[in-house]
Amino acid sequence: MGWFSRLLGLETEPHQVVAISDDNFKKEVLHSSVPVLLDVWGQNCGPCKLLEPVVMQLSREYQGRVKVAEFDVATAPKTAARLGISGTPTVVYFSKGREVERVVGYRAGHYHREFIEHELLAAAPQPSK
């Protein structure tokens, strides 16, 4: 999804968002050593485009503490089916390889920050430095 922000020159700080495919889902999400925010989106989804800058900002804010990953349902259909994705955007949070929260539809950044701070990171062991 980062193409839209790059096109408009809105990205100013570096961030890392992992592109998920049917081949790397297990490794990148289920076996991650840190909690994961997984953004599931679709090409012609208006609310997905609204959520994109929120996800990019979260990836910068929580770099090293939360892995931010994303995939387009059209390019990873097996993963979308495995997760039971019924609409986009969907944000799925994982901790220790298990789904802990699912948000279908657009929610503003403060909702995601509250969940990450008070639920996801509070319950997850922090990686050693």
C-alpha atoms as a PDB file:
ATOM      1  CA  MET A   1       0.000   0.000   0.000  1.00  0.00           C
ATOM      2  CA  GLY A   2       2.927   2.381   0.396  1.00  0.00           C
ATOM      3  CA  TRP A   3       2.878   3.353  -3.285  1.00  0.00           C
ATOM      4  CA  PHE A   4       0.245   6.065  -2.743  1.00  0.00           C
ATOM      5  CA  SER A   5       2.204   7.876  -0.031  1.00  0.00           C
ATOM      6  CA  ARG A   6       5.451   7.532  -1.975  1.00  0.00           C
ATOM      7  CA  LEU A   7       3.760   8.935  -5.070  1.00  0.00           C
ATOM      8  CA  LEU A   8       2.610  12.003  -3.158  1.00  0.00           C
ATOM      9  CA  GLY A   9       5.883  12.357  -1.271  1.00  0.00           C
ATOM     10  CA  LEU A  10       4.181  12.041   2.116  1.00  0.00           C
ATOM     11  CA  GLU A  11       6.684   9.633   3.630  1.00  0.00           C
ATOM     12  CA  THR A  12       9.436  11.519   5.386  1.00  0.00           C
ATOM     13  CA  GLU A  13      10.696   9.101   8.053  1.00  0.00           C
ATOM     14  CA  PRO A  14      11.975   5.607   7.391  1.00  0.00           C
ATOM     15  CA  HIS A  15       9.775   2.722   8.397  1.00  0.00           C
ATOM     16  CA  GLN A  16       9.661  -0.967   7.777  1.00  0.00           C
ATOM     17  CA  VAL A  17       6.526  -2.730   6.664  1.00  0.00           C
ATOM     18  CA  VAL A  18       6.902  -6.388   5.784  1.00  0.00           C
ATOM     19  CA  ALA A  19       5.124  -7.533   2.619  1.00  0.00           C
ATOM     20  CA  ILE A  20       3.267 -10.765   3.367  1.00  0.00           C
ATOM     21  CA  SER A  21       2.638 -13.483   0.819  1.00  0.00           C
ATOM     22  CA  ASP A  22       1.168 -16.964   0.998  1.00  0.00           C
ATOM     23  CA  ASP A  23       4.751 -18.235   1.197  1.00  0.00           C
ATOM     24  CA  ASN A  24       6.086 -16.127   4.077  1.00  0.00           C
ATOM     25  CA  PHE A  25       3.013 -15.673   6.328  1.00  0.00           C
ATOM     26  CA  LYS A  26       3.976 -18.415   8.748  1.00  0.00           C
ATOM     27  CA  LYS A  27       7.572 -17.221   9.134  1.00  0.00           C
ATOM     28  CA  GLU A  28       6.885 -13.477   9.320  1.00  0.00           C
ATOM     29  CA  VAL A  29       3.689 -13.502  11.378  1.00  0.00           C
ATOM     30  CA  LEU A  30       3.180 -16.752  13.271  1.00  0.00           C
ATOM     31  CA  HIS A  31       6.863 -17.210  14.164  1.00  0.00           C
ATOM     32  CA  SER A  32       7.626 -13.547  14.858  1.00  0.00           C
ATOM     33  CA  SER A  33       9.581 -12.835  18.041  1.00  0.00           C
ATOM     34  CA  VAL A  34       7.623  -9.586  18.531  1.00  0.00           C
ATOM     35  CA  PRO A  35       3.887  -8.858  18.303  1.00  0.00           C
ATOM     36  CA  VAL A  36       2.534  -8.257  14.794  1.00  0.00           C
ATOM     37  CA  LEU A  37       0.085  -5.747  13.329  1.00  0.00           C
ATOM     38  CA  LEU A  38      -1.136  -7.249  10.041  1.00  0.00           C
ATOM     39  CA  ASP A  39      -2.898  -4.846   7.676  1.00  0.00           C
ATOM     40  CA  VAL A  40      -5.062  -6.631   5.110  1.00  0.00           C
ATOM     41  CA  TRP A  41      -6.178  -4.440   2.237  1.00  0.00           C
ATOM     42  CA  GLY A  42      -7.652  -4.453  -1.255  1.00  0.00           C
ATOM     43  CA  GLN A  43      -6.783  -2.517  -4.414  1.00  0.00           C
ATOM     44  CA  ASN A  44     -10.090  -0.671  -4.865  1.00  0.00           C
ATOM     45  CA  CYS A  45     -10.838  -0.136  -1.183  1.00  0.00           C
ATOM     46  CA  GLY A  46     -11.338   3.525  -0.240  1.00  0.00           C
ATOM     47  CA  PRO A  47     -11.113   2.988   3.542  1.00  0.00           C
ATOM     48  CA  CYS A  48      -7.869   1.035   2.963  1.00  0.00           C
ATOM     49  CA  LYS A  49      -6.324   4.145   1.446  1.00  0.00           C
ATOM     50  CA  LEU A  50      -7.395   6.150   4.517  1.00  0.00           C
ATOM     51  CA  LEU A  51      -5.820   3.565   6.813  1.00  0.00           C
ATOM     52  CA  GLU A  52      -2.491   3.476   4.961  1.00  0.00           C
ATOM     53  CA  PRO A  53      -0.934   6.591   6.552  1.00  0.00           C
ATOM     54  CA  VAL A  54      -2.073   5.377   9.985  1.00  0.00           C
ATOM     55  CA  VAL A  55      -0.323   2.037   9.470  1.00  0.00           C
ATOM     56  CA  MET A  56       2.830   3.730   8.163  1.00  0.00           C
ATOM     57  CA  GLN A  57       2.931   6.033  11.197  1.00  0.00           C
ATOM     58  CA  LEU A  58       2.441   3.098  13.572  1.00  0.00           C
ATOM     59  CA  SER A  59       5.327   1.291  11.867  1.00  0.00           C
ATOM     60  CA  ARG A  60       7.573   4.268  12.659  1.00  0.00           C
ATOM     61  CA  GLU A  61       6.336   4.709  16.227  1.00  0.00           C
ATOM     62  CA  TYR A  62       6.664   1.058  17.224  1.00  0.00           C
ATOM     63  CA  GLN A  63       9.703   0.087  15.154  1.00  0.00           C
ATOM     64  CA  GLY A  64      11.533  -2.749  16.886  1.00  0.00           C
ATOM     65  CA  ARG A  65       8.666  -3.404  19.320  1.00  0.00           C
ATOM     66  CA  VAL A  66       5.853  -4.351  16.915  1.00  0.00           C
ATOM     67  CA  LYS A  67       6.304  -5.836  13.470  1.00  0.00           C
ATOM     68  CA  VAL A  68       4.027  -4.130  10.970  1.00  0.00           C
ATOM     69  CA  ALA A  69       3.100  -6.286   8.000  1.00  0.00           C
ATOM     70  CA  GLU A  70       0.612  -6.035   5.166  1.00  0.00           C
ATOM     71  CA  PHE A  71      -0.852  -7.891   2.242  1.00  0.00           C
ATOM     72  CA  ASP A  72      -3.308  -7.362  -0.583  1.00  0.00           C
ATOM     73  CA  VAL A  73      -6.045 -10.012  -0.536  1.00  0.00           C
ATOM     74  CA  ALA A  74      -5.655 -10.448  -4.305  1.00  0.00           C
ATOM     75  CA  THR A  75      -1.966 -11.367  -4.051  1.00  0.00           C
ATOM     76  CA  ALA A  76      -2.220 -13.682  -1.018  1.00  0.00           C
ATOM     77  CA  PRO A  77      -5.582 -15.437  -1.394  1.00  0.00           C
ATOM     78  CA  LYS A  78      -4.619 -18.522   0.627  1.00  0.00           C
ATOM     79  CA  THR A  79      -3.582 -16.390   3.579  1.00  0.00           C
ATOM     80  CA  ALA A  80      -6.780 -14.335   3.319  1.00  0.00           C
ATOM     81  CA  ALA A  81      -8.835 -17.539   3.299  1.00  0.00           C
ATOM     82  CA  ARG A  82      -6.850 -19.036   6.205  1.00  0.00           C
ATOM     83  CA  LEU A  83      -7.555 -15.914   8.257  1.00  0.00           C
ATOM     84  CA  GLY A  84     -11.218 -15.781   7.238  1.00  0.00           C
ATOM     85  CA  ILE A  85     -10.934 -12.247   5.881  1.00  0.00           C
ATOM     86  CA  SER A  86     -14.420 -11.139   4.865  1.00  0.00           C
ATOM     87  CA  GLY A  87     -13.807  -7.448   4.182  1.00  0.00           C
ATOM     88  CA  THR A  88     -11.114  -4.827   3.908  1.00  0.00           C
ATOM     89  CA  PRO A  89      -9.506  -3.090   5.545  1.00  0.00           C
ATOM     90  CA  THR A  90      -8.910  -5.597   8.311  1.00  0.00           C
ATOM     91  CA  VAL A  91      -6.174  -5.215  10.901  1.00  0.00           C
ATOM     92  CA  VAL A  92      -5.271  -8.405  12.740  1.00  0.00           C
ATOM     93  CA  TYR A  93      -3.004  -8.335  15.796  1.00  0.00           C
ATOM     94  CA  PHE A  94      -0.890 -11.364  16.682  1.00  0.00           C
ATOM     95  CA  SER A  95       1.123 -12.154  19.779  1.00  0.00           C
ATOM     96  CA  LYS A  96       3.190 -15.321  20.168  1.00  0.00           C
ATOM     97  CA  GLY A  97       1.737 -16.678  16.933  1.00  0.00           C
ATOM     98  CA  ARG A  98      -1.889 -16.293  17.991  1.00  0.00           C
ATOM     99  CA  GLU A  99      -4.522 -13.814  16.891  1.00  0.00           C
ATOM    100  CA  VAL A 100      -5.422 -11.521  19.789  1.00  0.00           C
ATOM    101  CA  GLU A 101      -7.582  -8.872  18.102  1.00  0.00           C
ATOM    102  CA  ARG A 102      -9.263  -8.172  14.778  1.00  0.00           C
ATOM    103  CA  VAL A 103     -10.505  -4.804  13.572  1.00  0.00           C
ATOM    104  CA  VAL A 104     -12.648  -4.744  10.434  1.00  0.00           C
ATOM    105  CA  GLY A 105     -13.097  -1.352   8.812  1.00  0.00           C
ATOM    106  CA  TYR A 106     -11.331   1.934   9.316  1.00  0.00           C
ATOM    107  CA  ARG A 107     -10.351   2.993  12.839  1.00  0.00           C
ATOM    108  CA  ALA A 108      -8.261   6.072  13.555  1.00  0.00           C
ATOM    109  CA  GLY A 109      -4.696   5.898  14.816  1.00  0.00           C
ATOM    110  CA  HIS A 110      -5.580   6.550  18.458  1.00  0.00           C
ATOM    111  CA  TYR A 111      -7.639   3.342  18.563  1.00  0.00           C
ATOM    112  CA  HIS A 112      -4.690   1.285  17.319  1.00  0.00           C
ATOM    113  CA  ARG A 113      -2.213   3.060  19.645  1.00  0.00           C
ATOM    114  CA  GLU A 114      -4.437   2.380  22.653  1.00  0.00           C
ATOM    115  CA  PHE A 115      -4.699  -1.301  21.762  1.00  0.00           C
ATOM    116  CA  ILE A 116      -0.969  -1.644  21.079  1.00  0.00           C
ATOM    117  CA  GLU A 117       0.064   0.118  24.300  1.00  0.00           C
ATOM    118  CA  HIS A 118      -2.507  -1.297  26.707  1.00  0.00           C
ATOM    119  CA  GLU A 119      -3.144  -4.765  25.323  1.00  0.00           C
ATOM    120  CA  LEU A 120      -0.559  -5.946  22.829  1.00  0.00           C
ATOM    121  CA  LEU A 121       2.676  -4.664  24.376  1.00  0.00           C
ATOM    122  CA  ALA A 122       1.459  -4.982  27.951  1.00  0.00           C
ATOM    123  CA  ALA A 123       0.988  -8.730  27.468  1.00  0.00           C
ATOM    124  CA  ALA A 124       4.038  -9.426  25.307  1.00  0.00           C
ATOM    125  CA  PRO A 125       7.590  -9.918  26.547  1.00  0.00           C
ATOM    126  CA  GLN A 126       9.857  -7.203  25.181  1.00  0.00           C
ATOM    127  CA  PRO A 127      12.778  -8.294  22.978  1.00  0.00           C
ATOM    128  CA  SER A 128      16.176  -8.078  24.622  1.00  0.00           C
ATOM    129  CA  LYS A 129      18.602  -5.513  23.253  1.00  0.00           C
END
